[in-house]
């Protein structure tokens, strides 16, 4: 049985220097919430300062959730991040 969505938020700044730590933290939290039956949701609306590492973090979270048999829902992805995803051909993976 799936419970209410568990929303995990990306930080306002997500550059290469923070990417691994953010990934590790988010993946652990998402996996724990999935184990409890919650729908995994990633809120990207706080992103203000970021580089392509932010997309890598989201994709790593997506892979981890899929490995656990779930589907990650990404909400609030800023327009600039959406444009960057389009350039890299990743748009379909972020919705």
Protein backbone atom coordinates (compact mmCIF):
# COMPACT_ATOMS: atom_id res chain seq x y z
CA UNK A 1 0.00 0.00 0.00
CA UNK A 2 1.34 3.43 -0.93
CA UNK A 3 0.95 6.20 1.62
CA UNK A 4 0.90 9.93 1.05
CA UNK A 5 3.73 11.41 -1.01
CA UNK A 6 6.97 12.10 0.81
CA UNK A 7 8.41 15.29 -0.64
CA UNK A 8 12.17 15.74 -0.51
CA UNK A 9 13.53 19.15 -1.51
CA UNK A 10 16.64 20.06 -3.45
CA UNK A 11 18.71 22.88 -1.92
CA UNK A 12 18.81 26.41 -3.34
CA UNK A 13 22.43 25.95 -4.41
CA UNK A 14 23.46 22.74 -6.13
CA UNK A 15 26.81 22.84 -7.84
CA UNK A 16 29.35 20.11 -8.48
CA UNK A 17 30.93 20.66 -5.05
CA UNK A 18 27.67 19.75 -3.28
CA UNK A 19 26.35 17.13 -5.71
CA UNK A 20 27.67 13.94 -4.11
CA UNK A 21 26.64 14.87 -0.58
CA UNK A 22 23.18 15.95 -1.75
CA UNK A 23 22.78 12.77 -3.80
CA UNK A 24 23.79 10.54 -0.89
CA UNK A 25 21.40 12.28 1.48
CA UNK A 26 18.45 12.35 -0.90
CA UNK A 27 18.87 8.74 -2.04
CA UNK A 28 19.00 7.50 1.56
CA UNK A 29 15.90 9.51 2.48
CA UNK A 30 13.96 8.50 -0.62
CA UNK A 31 14.77 4.83 -0.08
CA UNK A 32 13.73 5.00 3.57
CA UNK A 33 10.44 6.67 2.71
CA UNK A 34 9.76 4.17 -0.06
CA UNK A 35 10.40 1.32 2.37
CA UNK A 36 7.68 2.86 4.54
CA UNK A 37 5.32 2.89 1.53
CA UNK A 38 5.46 6.61 0.69
CA UNK A 39 5.41 7.89 -2.88
CA UNK A 40 8.81 9.48 -3.64
CA UNK A 41 8.59 13.11 -4.78
CA UNK A 42 11.49 15.45 -5.42
CA UNK A 43 10.78 19.18 -5.18
CA UNK A 44 13.22 21.22 -7.26
CA UNK A 45 11.48 24.57 -6.84
CA UNK A 46 14.11 25.93 -4.42
CA UNK A 47 16.91 25.63 -7.00
CA UNK A 48 18.34 29.08 -7.62
CA UNK A 49 22.04 28.56 -8.30
CA UNK A 50 22.94 25.32 -10.03
CA UNK A 51 24.89 23.69 -12.81
CA UNK A 52 24.43 20.45 -14.72
CA UNK A 53 25.27 18.58 -11.51
CA UNK A 54 21.70 19.28 -10.38
CA UNK A 55 20.43 17.17 -13.27
CA UNK A 56 22.88 14.42 -12.33
CA UNK A 57 21.53 14.45 -8.77
CA UNK A 58 17.94 14.17 -9.98
CA UNK A 59 18.85 11.32 -12.33
CA UNK A 60 20.71 9.48 -9.55
CA UNK A 61 17.63 9.80 -7.35
CA UNK A 62 15.46 8.53 -10.18
CA UNK A 63 17.71 5.49 -10.70
CA UNK A 64 17.70 4.69 -6.98
CA UNK A 65 13.93 4.93 -6.76
CA UNK A 66 13.46 2.78 -9.87
CA UNK A 67 15.87 0.19 -8.47
CA UNK A 68 13.53 -0.04 -5.50
CA UNK A 69 10.55 -0.57 -7.78
CA UNK A 70 9.16 2.96 -7.58
CA UNK A 71 8.69 5.99 -9.78
CA UNK A 72 10.15 9.34 -8.81
CA UNK A 73 7.98 12.36 -9.40
CA UNK A 74 9.89 15.62 -9.93
CA UNK A 75 8.02 18.85 -9.32
CA UNK A 76 8.95 22.50 -9.50
CA UNK A 77 11.91 22.15 -11.84
CA UNK A 78 12.94 25.73 -12.69
CA UNK A 79 12.64 26.82 -16.31
CA UNK A 80 16.40 27.19 -16.67
CA UNK A 81 16.92 23.61 -15.45
CA UNK A 82 14.28 22.40 -17.89
CA UNK A 83 16.11 24.16 -20.72
CA UNK A 84 19.39 22.57 -19.64
CA UNK A 85 17.73 19.15 -19.53
CA UNK A 86 16.43 19.70 -23.03
CA UNK A 87 19.94 20.53 -24.30
CA UNK A 88 21.25 17.28 -22.80
CA UNK A 89 18.28 15.26 -24.08
CA UNK A 90 17.09 14.47 -20.56
CA UNK A 91 13.65 16.11 -20.49
CA UNK A 92 11.74 12.85 -20.69
CA UNK A 93 13.57 11.49 -17.65
CA UNK A 94 12.71 14.40 -15.38
CA UNK A 95 8.91 14.22 -15.39
